[in-house]
Amino acid sequence: MALTIERKKQIVANVHHEAKQGLSLVAARYSDLTVGQMTNLRRRAREAGVFVKVIKNSLAKKAFEETLFSTASDKLTGQLVYFIAKDAPGMAARLARDFAKENDKLQVSIVTVGEIVYDASQLDAVATLPTKDEAIAKFLACLQAPITKFVRTLAAPQVKLVRTLSAVKDKK
């Protein structure tokens, strides 16, 4: 059944809304995936907070206009499923990578983070990007390390003195 103009406009508006909020986009070829596999993919995407949509590339190009993903428009060819991550830039890539490991029929063609478009070889690099909480935790650990070392340095002479006195006391 052909899509009406109104339905196409709704789809474009919906995808545009998601793309405006998105941090990263992954486009992958999905031909030969079964309905059950696609249902599983959509379920996992919902759980991960990733927007997944299969639409015509012409509609996707319109939807990505005036968003960070407009730079990817010229690379959108073939039957593609689109993953848009809104919470963490690595989430869409992580989902696509993990699903592609289990289903070799899903083949990632492009990965974008912001306006920068990468080819499929960079999927693992993007998938390993930390989430916001992980990045904050790493940053705080970096801030804490010098302070901890400074306190240990200040306490070292006192600890050494206590050990020395204990050793002298034990010898008597």
N, C-alpha and C. Protein backbone atom coordinates (compact mmCIF):
# COMPACT_ATOMS: atom_id res chain seq x y z
N MET A 1 0.84 -1.17 0.00
CA MET A 1 0.00 0.00 0.00
C MET A 1 0.89 1.24 0.00
N ALA A 2 0.62 2.15 -0.91
CA ALA A 2 1.40 3.37 -1.05
C ALA A 2 1.08 4.35 0.08
N LEU A 3 2.08 5.10 0.47
CA LEU A 3 1.89 6.10 1.51
C LEU A 3 1.28 7.36 0.91
N THR A 4 0.36 7.95 1.63
CA THR A 4 -0.22 9.22 1.17
C THR A 4 0.76 10.34 1.50
N ILE A 5 0.56 11.47 0.87
CA ILE A 5 1.40 12.65 1.13
C ILE A 5 1.34 13.03 2.61
N GLU A 6 0.15 12.99 3.17
CA GLU A 6 -0.02 13.36 4.58
C GLU A 6 0.75 12.41 5.49
N ARG A 7 0.68 11.12 5.20
CA ARG A 7 1.39 10.14 6.02
C ARG A 7 2.90 10.33 5.89
N LYS A 8 3.38 10.63 4.69
CA LYS A 8 4.80 10.88 4.48
C LYS A 8 5.25 12.10 5.28
N LYS A 9 4.41 13.14 5.30
CA LYS A 9 4.74 14.35 6.07
C LYS A 9 4.82 14.04 7.56
N GLN A 10 3.91 13.19 8.04
CA GLN A 10 3.94 12.80 9.45
C GLN A 10 5.21 12.03 9.79
N ILE A 11 5.59 11.13 8.91
CA ILE A 11 6.80 10.33 9.13
C ILE A 11 8.03 11.24 9.16
N VAL A 12 8.12 12.13 8.17
CA VAL A 12 9.25 13.06 8.11
C VAL A 12 9.30 13.93 9.36
N ALA A 13 8.15 14.43 9.79
CA ALA A 13 8.11 15.28 10.99
C ALA A 13 8.55 14.50 12.23
N ASN A 14 8.10 13.26 12.35
CA ASN A 14 8.47 12.42 13.49
C ASN A 14 9.97 12.15 13.51
N VAL A 15 10.52 11.75 12.39
CA VAL A 15 11.96 11.45 12.31
C VAL A 15 12.77 12.73 12.50
N HIS A 16 12.29 13.85 11.95
CA HIS A 16 12.98 15.13 12.11
C HIS A 16 13.04 15.52 13.59
N HIS A 17 11.94 15.32 14.29
CA HIS A 17 11.88 15.62 15.72
C HIS A 17 12.92 14.79 16.49
N GLU A 18 13.00 13.51 16.19
CA GLU A 18 13.97 12.62 16.84
C GLU A 18 15.40 13.01 16.47
N ALA A 19 15.61 13.36 15.19
CA ALA A 19 16.95 13.72 14.73
C ALA A 19 17.42 15.04 15.34
N LYS A 20 16.51 15.96 15.58
CA LYS A 20 16.87 17.24 16.22
C LYS A 20 17.44 17.00 17.61
N GLN A 21 16.90 16.01 18.31
CA GLN A 21 17.35 15.70 19.67
C GLN A 21 18.52 14.72 19.69
N GLY A 22 18.83 14.13 18.54
CA GLY A 22 19.82 13.06 18.48
C GLY A 22 21.26 13.53 18.59
N LEU A 23 22.09 12.66 19.16
CA LEU A 23 23.52 12.90 19.27
C LEU A 23 24.30 12.12 18.22
N SER A 24 23.78 10.94 17.87
CA SER A 24 24.46 10.13 16.87
C SER A 24 23.45 9.35 16.04
N LEU A 25 23.89 8.98 14.84
CA LEU A 25 23.05 8.25 13.89
C LEU A 25 23.86 7.08 13.34
N VAL A 26 23.21 5.94 13.24
CA VAL A 26 23.80 4.78 12.58
C VAL A 26 22.81 4.33 11.51
N ALA A 27 23.30 4.12 10.30
CA ALA A 27 22.48 3.60 9.22
C ALA A 27 23.04 2.24 8.82
N ALA A 28 22.17 1.24 8.72
CA ALA A 28 22.63 -0.12 8.43
C ALA A 28 21.70 -0.79 7.43
N ARG A 29 22.30 -1.62 6.58
CA ARG A 29 21.51 -2.43 5.64
C ARG A 29 20.91 -3.59 6.42
N TYR A 30 19.65 -3.85 6.17
CA TYR A 30 18.94 -4.86 6.95
C TYR A 30 18.27 -5.92 6.10
N SER A 31 18.53 -5.95 4.82
CA SER A 31 17.85 -6.92 3.96
C SER A 31 18.13 -8.34 4.43
N ASP A 32 17.16 -9.19 4.26
CA ASP A 32 17.20 -10.60 4.64
C ASP A 32 17.04 -10.84 6.14
N LEU A 33 16.78 -9.80 6.93
CA LEU A 33 16.43 -10.03 8.33
C LEU A 33 14.98 -10.46 8.39
N THR A 34 14.68 -11.39 9.24
CA THR A 34 13.30 -11.85 9.38
C THR A 34 12.49 -10.86 10.21
N VAL A 35 11.18 -11.01 10.18
CA VAL A 35 10.31 -10.15 10.97
C VAL A 35 10.62 -10.33 12.46
N GLY A 36 10.87 -11.55 12.88
CA GLY A 36 11.21 -11.82 14.28
C GLY A 36 12.51 -11.13 14.70
N GLN A 37 13.50 -11.14 13.81
CA GLN A 37 14.76 -10.47 14.11
C GLN A 37 14.58 -8.95 14.21
N MET A 38 13.78 -8.38 13.30
CA MET A 38 13.52 -6.94 13.34
C MET A 38 12.73 -6.57 14.60
N THR A 39 11.80 -7.42 14.99
CA THR A 39 11.03 -7.17 16.22
C THR A 39 11.96 -7.20 17.42
N ASN A 40 12.86 -8.16 17.45
CA ASN A 40 13.86 -8.24 18.52
C ASN A 40 14.74 -6.98 18.54
N LEU A 41 15.14 -6.52 17.36
CA LEU A 41 15.96 -5.31 17.26
C LEU A 41 15.21 -4.09 17.82
N ARG A 42 13.95 -3.96 17.45
CA ARG A 42 13.14 -2.83 17.94
C ARG A 42 12.95 -2.90 19.45
N ARG A 43 12.75 -4.10 19.98
CA ARG A 43 12.58 -4.26 21.43
C ARG A 43 13.85 -3.84 22.16
N ARG A 44 14.99 -4.30 21.67
CA ARG A 44 16.26 -3.94 22.29
C ARG A 44 16.54 -2.45 22.18
N ALA A 45 16.12 -1.85 21.08
CA ALA A 45 16.30 -0.40 20.90
C ALA A 45 15.46 0.38 21.91
N ARG A 46 14.22 -0.05 22.12
CA ARG A 46 13.37 0.61 23.13
C ARG A 46 14.00 0.53 24.50
N GLU A 47 14.53 -0.65 24.84
CA GLU A 47 15.16 -0.84 26.15
C GLU A 47 16.39 0.05 26.31
N ALA A 48 17.11 0.29 25.21
CA ALA A 48 18.33 1.10 25.26
C ALA A 48 18.04 2.59 25.09
N GLY A 49 16.80 2.94 24.76
CA GLY A 49 16.47 4.35 24.54
C GLY A 49 16.93 4.87 23.20
N VAL A 50 17.00 3.99 22.22
CA VAL A 50 17.44 4.35 20.87
C VAL A 50 16.23 4.33 19.94
N PHE A 51 16.08 5.37 19.13
CA PHE A 51 15.00 5.46 18.16
C PHE A 51 15.42 4.67 16.93
N VAL A 52 14.58 3.75 16.47
CA VAL A 52 14.86 2.93 15.29
C VAL A 52 13.73 3.12 14.30
N LYS A 53 14.08 3.34 13.04
CA LYS A 53 13.04 3.54 12.02
C LYS A 53 13.55 3.05 10.67
N VAL A 54 12.67 2.38 9.94
CA VAL A 54 12.93 2.00 8.56
C VAL A 54 12.06 2.91 7.70
N ILE A 55 12.69 3.77 6.94
CA ILE A 55 11.96 4.66 6.02
C ILE A 55 12.74 4.77 4.72
N LYS A 56 12.05 5.29 3.72
CA LYS A 56 12.71 5.51 2.44
C LYS A 56 13.81 6.54 2.62
N ASN A 57 14.88 6.39 1.86
CA ASN A 57 16.01 7.30 1.98
C ASN A 57 15.63 8.73 1.59
N SER A 58 14.73 8.88 0.62
CA SER A 58 14.31 10.24 0.23
C SER A 58 13.61 10.94 1.40
N LEU A 59 12.81 10.19 2.16
CA LEU A 59 12.15 10.77 3.33
C LEU A 59 13.17 11.03 4.45
N ALA A 60 14.13 10.14 4.60
CA ALA A 60 15.16 10.33 5.61
C ALA A 60 15.98 11.58 5.32
N LYS A 61 16.31 11.79 4.06
CA LYS A 61 17.08 12.99 3.69
C LYS A 61 16.31 14.26 4.03
N LYS A 62 15.00 14.25 3.77
CA LYS A 62 14.17 15.41 4.14
C LYS A 62 14.11 15.58 5.65
N ALA A 63 13.99 14.47 6.36
CA ALA A 63 13.89 14.52 7.82
C ALA A 63 15.19 15.01 8.46
N PHE A 64 16.31 14.74 7.85
CA PHE A 64 17.60 15.12 8.42
C PHE A 64 18.01 16.54 8.06
N GLU A 65 17.24 17.22 7.20
CA GLU A 65 17.55 18.61 6.87
C GLU A 65 17.49 19.46 8.14
N GLU A 66 18.42 20.36 8.25
CA GLU A 66 18.52 21.27 9.40
C GLU A 66 18.74 20.53 10.72
N THR A 67 19.40 19.39 10.66
CA THR A 67 19.82 18.67 11.86
C THR A 67 21.31 18.37 11.71
N LEU A 68 21.88 17.83 12.75
CA LEU A 68 23.30 17.46 12.71
C LEU A 68 23.59 16.40 11.65
N PHE A 69 22.58 15.61 11.31
CA PHE A 69 22.78 14.48 10.42
C PHE A 69 22.64 14.83 8.93
N SER A 70 22.43 16.10 8.61
CA SER A 70 22.27 16.50 7.21
C SER A 70 23.54 16.20 6.41
N THR A 71 24.70 16.14 7.08
CA THR A 71 25.95 15.85 6.38
C THR A 71 26.01 14.40 5.88
N ALA A 72 25.17 13.54 6.40
CA ALA A 72 25.17 12.13 6.00
C ALA A 72 24.25 11.86 4.82
N SER A 73 23.48 12.84 4.40
CA SER A 73 22.44 12.62 3.39
C SER A 73 22.95 12.02 2.09
N ASP A 74 24.13 12.42 1.64
CA ASP A 74 24.63 11.89 0.36
C ASP A 74 25.09 10.44 0.44
N LYS A 75 25.23 9.90 1.65
CA LYS A 75 25.67 8.51 1.81
C LYS A 75 24.52 7.54 2.08
N LEU A 76 23.30 8.03 2.07
CA LEU A 76 22.14 7.20 2.37
C LEU A 76 21.65 6.52 1.10
N THR A 77 22.12 5.30 0.88
CA THR A 77 21.71 4.53 -0.29
C THR A 77 21.42 3.10 0.12
N GLY A 78 20.47 2.49 -0.55
CA GLY A 78 20.10 1.11 -0.27
C GLY A 78 19.01 1.02 0.78
N GLN A 79 18.66 -0.22 1.12
CA GLN A 79 17.65 -0.47 2.15
C GLN A 79 18.29 -0.27 3.51
N LEU A 80 17.88 0.79 4.23
CA LEU A 80 18.54 1.12 5.48
C LEU A 80 17.56 1.19 6.65
N VAL A 81 18.07 0.81 7.81
CA VAL A 81 17.37 1.04 9.07
C VAL A 81 18.20 2.09 9.80
N TYR A 82 17.53 3.05 10.41
CA TYR A 82 18.20 4.17 11.06
C TYR A 82 18.09 4.04 12.58
N PHE A 83 19.22 4.23 13.25
CA PHE A 83 19.28 4.23 14.71
C PHE A 83 19.68 5.65 15.13
N ILE A 84 18.91 6.27 16.01
CA ILE A 84 19.24 7.61 16.52
C ILE A 84 19.33 7.53 18.03
N ALA A 85 20.49 7.91 18.57
CA ALA A 85 20.71 7.91 20.01
C ALA A 85 20.58 9.33 20.53
N LYS A 86 19.78 9.47 21.60
CA LYS A 86 19.56 10.80 22.17
C LYS A 86 20.27 10.99 23.50
N ASP A 87 20.50 9.93 24.26
CA ASP A 87 21.06 10.06 25.60
C ASP A 87 22.59 10.01 25.61
N ALA A 88 23.16 9.12 24.84
CA ALA A 88 24.62 8.96 24.79
C ALA A 88 25.01 8.68 23.35
N PRO A 89 26.08 9.31 22.86
CA PRO A 89 26.43 9.13 21.44
C PRO A 89 26.79 7.70 21.06
N GLY A 90 27.25 6.90 22.00
CA GLY A 90 27.65 5.53 21.67
C GLY A 90 26.53 4.52 21.71
N MET A 91 25.35 4.89 22.19
CA MET A 91 24.26 3.92 22.36
C MET A 91 23.79 3.31 21.04
N ALA A 92 23.59 4.13 20.02
CA ALA A 92 23.12 3.60 18.73
C ALA A 92 24.16 2.67 18.12
N ALA A 93 25.42 3.08 18.19
CA ALA A 93 26.50 2.24 17.64
C ALA A 93 26.64 0.95 18.42
N ARG A 94 26.49 1.03 19.74
CA ARG A 94 26.59 -0.16 20.59
C ARG A 94 25.48 -1.14 20.24
N LEU A 95 24.26 -0.63 20.08
CA LEU A 95 23.13 -1.49 19.74
C LEU A 95 23.34 -2.16 18.38
N ALA A 96 23.73 -1.36 17.38
CA ALA A 96 23.95 -1.90 16.04
C ALA A 96 25.09 -2.92 16.03
N ARG A 97 26.18 -2.61 16.74
CA ARG A 97 27.33 -3.54 16.80
C ARG A 97 26.93 -4.86 17.44
N ASP A 98 26.26 -4.80 18.59
CA ASP A 98 25.88 -6.02 19.30
C ASP A 98 24.88 -6.85 18.50
N PHE A 99 23.93 -6.18 17.85
CA PHE A 99 22.94 -6.91 17.06
C PHE A 99 23.60 -7.52 15.82
N ALA A 100 24.54 -6.80 15.21
CA ALA A 100 25.21 -7.30 14.01
C ALA A 100 26.09 -8.51 14.33
N LYS A 101 26.60 -8.59 15.56
CA LYS A 101 27.39 -9.78 15.95
C LYS A 101 26.54 -11.03 15.93
N GLU A 102 25.26 -10.88 16.34
CA GLU A 102 24.36 -12.02 16.39
C GLU A 102 23.68 -12.29 15.04
N ASN A 103 23.52 -11.27 14.24
CA ASN A 103 22.81 -11.37 12.96
C ASN A 103 23.68 -10.75 11.87
N ASP A 104 24.39 -11.59 11.14
CA ASP A 104 25.32 -11.07 10.14
C ASP A 104 24.63 -10.39 8.95
N LYS A 105 23.32 -10.46 8.89
CA LYS A 105 22.59 -9.82 7.80
C LYS A 105 22.49 -8.30 8.00
N LEU A 106 22.67 -7.83 9.22
CA LEU A 106 22.68 -6.39 9.51
C LEU A 106 24.10 -5.88 9.27
N GLN A 107 24.24 -4.99 8.29
CA GLN A 107 25.55 -4.47 7.93
C GLN A 107 25.55 -2.95 8.04
N VAL A 108 26.31 -2.42 8.97
CA VAL A 108 26.38 -0.98 9.20
C VAL A 108 27.07 -0.33 8.02
N SER A 109 26.48 0.75 7.51
CA SER A 109 27.10 1.46 6.39
C SER A 109 27.71 2.79 6.82
N ILE A 110 27.03 3.55 7.68
CA ILE A 110 27.61 4.80 8.17
C ILE A 110 27.31 4.99 9.66
N VAL A 111 28.16 5.76 10.29
CA VAL A 111 28.01 6.14 11.69
C VAL A 111 28.30 7.63 11.76
N THR A 112 27.45 8.38 12.44
CA THR A 112 27.72 9.79 12.63
C THR A 112 27.68 10.12 14.12
N VAL A 113 28.53 11.03 14.50
CA VAL A 113 28.48 11.62 15.83
C VAL A 113 28.45 13.11 15.58
N GLY A 114 27.31 13.72 15.89
CA GLY A 114 27.13 15.13 15.55
C GLY A 114 27.11 15.27 14.04
N GLU A 115 27.91 16.19 13.52
CA GLU A 115 27.95 16.42 12.07
C GLU A 115 29.00 15.58 11.36
N ILE A 116 29.83 14.88 12.12
CA ILE A 116 30.93 14.12 11.53
C ILE A 116 30.44 12.74 11.11
N VAL A 117 30.68 12.40 9.86
CA VAL A 117 30.25 11.11 9.30
C VAL A 117 31.45 10.18 9.21
N TYR A 118 31.31 8.98 9.75
CA TYR A 118 32.35 7.96 9.71
C TYR A 118 31.84 6.78 8.90
N ASP A 119 32.78 5.99 8.37
CA ASP A 119 32.34 4.78 7.69
C ASP A 119 32.19 3.66 8.73
N ALA A 120 31.77 2.52 8.27
CA ALA A 120 31.44 1.40 9.17
C ALA A 120 32.64 0.91 9.98
N SER A 121 33.85 1.16 9.50
CA SER A 121 35.03 0.69 10.23
C SER A 121 35.20 1.38 11.58
N GLN A 122 34.56 2.52 11.78
CA GLN A 122 34.67 3.26 13.04
C GLN A 122 33.57 2.91 14.04
N LEU A 123 32.76 1.91 13.72
CA LEU A 123 31.64 1.53 14.57
C LEU A 123 32.10 1.18 15.99
N ASP A 124 33.14 0.39 16.12
CA ASP A 124 33.62 0.00 17.45
C ASP A 124 34.11 1.19 18.25
N ALA A 125 34.78 2.11 17.59
CA ALA A 125 35.30 3.30 18.28
C ALA A 125 34.15 4.13 18.85
N VAL A 126 33.09 4.29 18.08
CA VAL A 126 31.94 5.06 18.54
C VAL A 126 31.17 4.28 19.60
N ALA A 127 31.06 2.97 19.43
CA ALA A 127 30.32 2.14 20.37
C ALA A 127 30.95 2.13 21.76
N THR A 128 32.24 2.36 21.83
CA THR A 128 32.92 2.34 23.13
C THR A 128 32.95 3.71 23.80
N LEU A 129 32.33 4.70 23.19
CA LEU A 129 32.26 6.02 23.85
C LEU A 129 31.50 5.88 25.16
N PRO A 130 31.97 6.55 26.20
CA PRO A 130 31.29 6.42 27.49
C PRO A 130 29.97 7.18 27.51
N THR A 131 29.07 6.72 28.37
CA THR A 131 27.83 7.46 28.59
C THR A 131 28.17 8.70 29.42
N LYS A 132 27.21 9.57 29.60
CA LYS A 132 27.44 10.79 30.37
C LYS A 132 27.87 10.46 31.80
N ASP A 133 27.18 9.52 32.43
CA ASP A 133 27.52 9.14 33.81
C ASP A 133 28.92 8.53 33.90
N GLU A 134 29.29 7.69 32.93
CA GLU A 134 30.62 7.09 32.92
C GLU A 134 31.70 8.17 32.73
N ALA A 135 31.44 9.12 31.84
CA ALA A 135 32.40 10.20 31.60
C ALA A 135 32.58 11.06 32.84
N ILE A 136 31.49 11.37 33.53
CA ILE A 136 31.58 12.16 34.76
C ILE A 136 32.36 11.41 35.83
N ALA A 137 32.10 10.11 35.95
CA ALA A 137 32.82 9.30 36.94
C ALA A 137 34.32 9.28 36.64
N LYS A 138 34.69 9.13 35.37
CA LYS A 138 36.11 9.13 35.00
C LYS A 138 36.74 10.49 35.29
N PHE A 139 36.02 11.55 35.00
CA PHE A 139 36.52 12.90 35.24
C PHE A 139 36.75 13.14 36.73
N LEU A 140 35.78 12.73 37.54
CA LEU A 140 35.91 12.90 38.98
C LEU A 140 37.07 12.06 39.53
N ALA A 141 37.28 10.88 38.99
CA ALA A 141 38.41 10.05 39.41
C ALA A 141 39.73 10.75 39.07
N CYS A 142 39.77 11.40 37.92
CA CYS A 142 40.98 12.15 37.54
C CYS A 142 41.22 13.33 38.48
N LEU A 143 40.16 13.98 38.88
CA LEU A 143 40.29 15.10 39.82
C LEU A 143 40.72 14.63 41.21
N GLN A 144 40.23 13.48 41.60
CA GLN A 144 40.50 12.95 42.94
C GLN A 144 41.92 12.41 43.07
N ALA A 145 42.48 11.89 42.02
CA ALA A 145 43.79 11.23 42.08
C ALA A 145 44.90 12.14 42.61
N PRO A 146 45.08 13.37 42.12
CA PRO A 146 46.17 14.20 42.65
C PRO A 146 45.97 14.56 44.13
N ILE A 147 44.74 14.80 44.53
CA ILE A 147 44.46 15.14 45.92
C ILE A 147 44.79 13.96 46.83
N THR A 148 44.40 12.78 46.41
CA THR A 148 44.69 11.57 47.19
C THR A 148 46.20 11.37 47.33
N LYS A 149 46.91 11.55 46.24
CA LYS A 149 48.36 11.39 46.26
C LYS A 149 49.00 12.44 47.17
N PHE A 150 48.50 13.67 47.15
CA PHE A 150 49.02 14.74 47.99
C PHE A 150 48.83 14.42 49.46
N VAL A 151 47.64 13.93 49.81
CA VAL A 151 47.36 13.58 51.21
C VAL A 151 48.26 12.43 51.66
N ARG A 152 48.46 11.44 50.81
CA ARG A 152 49.36 10.33 51.15
C ARG A 152 50.79 10.82 51.35
N THR A 153 51.21 11.76 50.51
CA THR A 153 52.55 12.33 50.63
C THR A 153 52.70 13.07 51.96
N LEU A 154 51.70 13.83 52.35
CA LEU A 154 51.75 14.55 53.63
C LEU A 154 51.76 13.59 54.81
N ALA A 155 51.05 12.49 54.70
CA ALA A 155 50.95 11.54 55.79
C ALA A 155 52.14 10.59 55.85
N ALA A 156 52.93 10.50 54.81
CA ALA A 156 54.01 9.52 54.73
C ALA A 156 55.04 9.69 55.85
N PRO A 157 55.54 10.90 56.16
CA PRO A 157 56.53 11.00 57.24
C PRO A 157 55.97 10.54 58.59
N GLN A 158 54.73 10.86 58.87
CA GLN A 158 54.12 10.45 60.14
C GLN A 158 54.00 8.93 60.20
N VAL A 159 53.57 8.30 59.11
CA VAL A 159 53.44 6.85 59.07
C VAL A 159 54.81 6.20 59.24
N LYS A 160 55.82 6.78 58.59
CA LYS A 160 57.17 6.23 58.69
C LYS A 160 57.69 6.36 60.12
N LEU A 161 57.41 7.49 60.77
CA LEU A 161 57.83 7.70 62.16
C LEU A 161 57.16 6.69 63.08
N VAL A 162 55.87 6.45 62.90
CA VAL A 162 55.15 5.48 63.72
C VAL A 162 55.72 4.08 63.52
N ARG A 163 56.03 3.71 62.30
CA ARG A 163 56.61 2.39 62.03
C ARG A 163 57.98 2.25 62.69
N THR A 164 58.77 3.30 62.57
CA THR A 164 60.10 3.27 63.17
C THR A 164 60.03 3.15 64.69
N LEU A 165 59.15 3.93 65.30
CA LEU A 165 58.99 3.85 66.75
C LEU A 165 58.47 2.47 67.18
N SER A 166 57.57 1.91 66.40
CA SER A 166 57.06 0.57 66.71
C SER A 166 58.17 -0.46 66.61
N ALA A 167 59.02 -0.32 65.62
CA ALA A 167 60.13 -1.27 65.44
C ALA A 167 61.12 -1.16 66.58
N VAL A 168 61.41 0.08 67.04
CA VAL A 168 62.34 0.29 68.15
C VAL A 168 61.74 -0.28 69.43
N LYS A 169 60.45 -0.06 69.62
CA LYS A 169 59.75 -0.53 70.82
C LYS A 169 59.73 -2.06 70.86
N ASP A 170 59.52 -2.70 69.70
CA ASP A 170 59.47 -4.16 69.62
C ASP A 170 60.85 -4.78 69.93
N LYS A 171 61.95 -4.08 69.60
CA LYS A 171 63.30 -4.60 69.84
C LYS A 171 63.66 -4.56 71.32
N LYS A 172 63.05 -3.67 72.07
CA LYS A 172 63.36 -3.56 73.50
C LYS A 172 62.72 -4.64 74.22
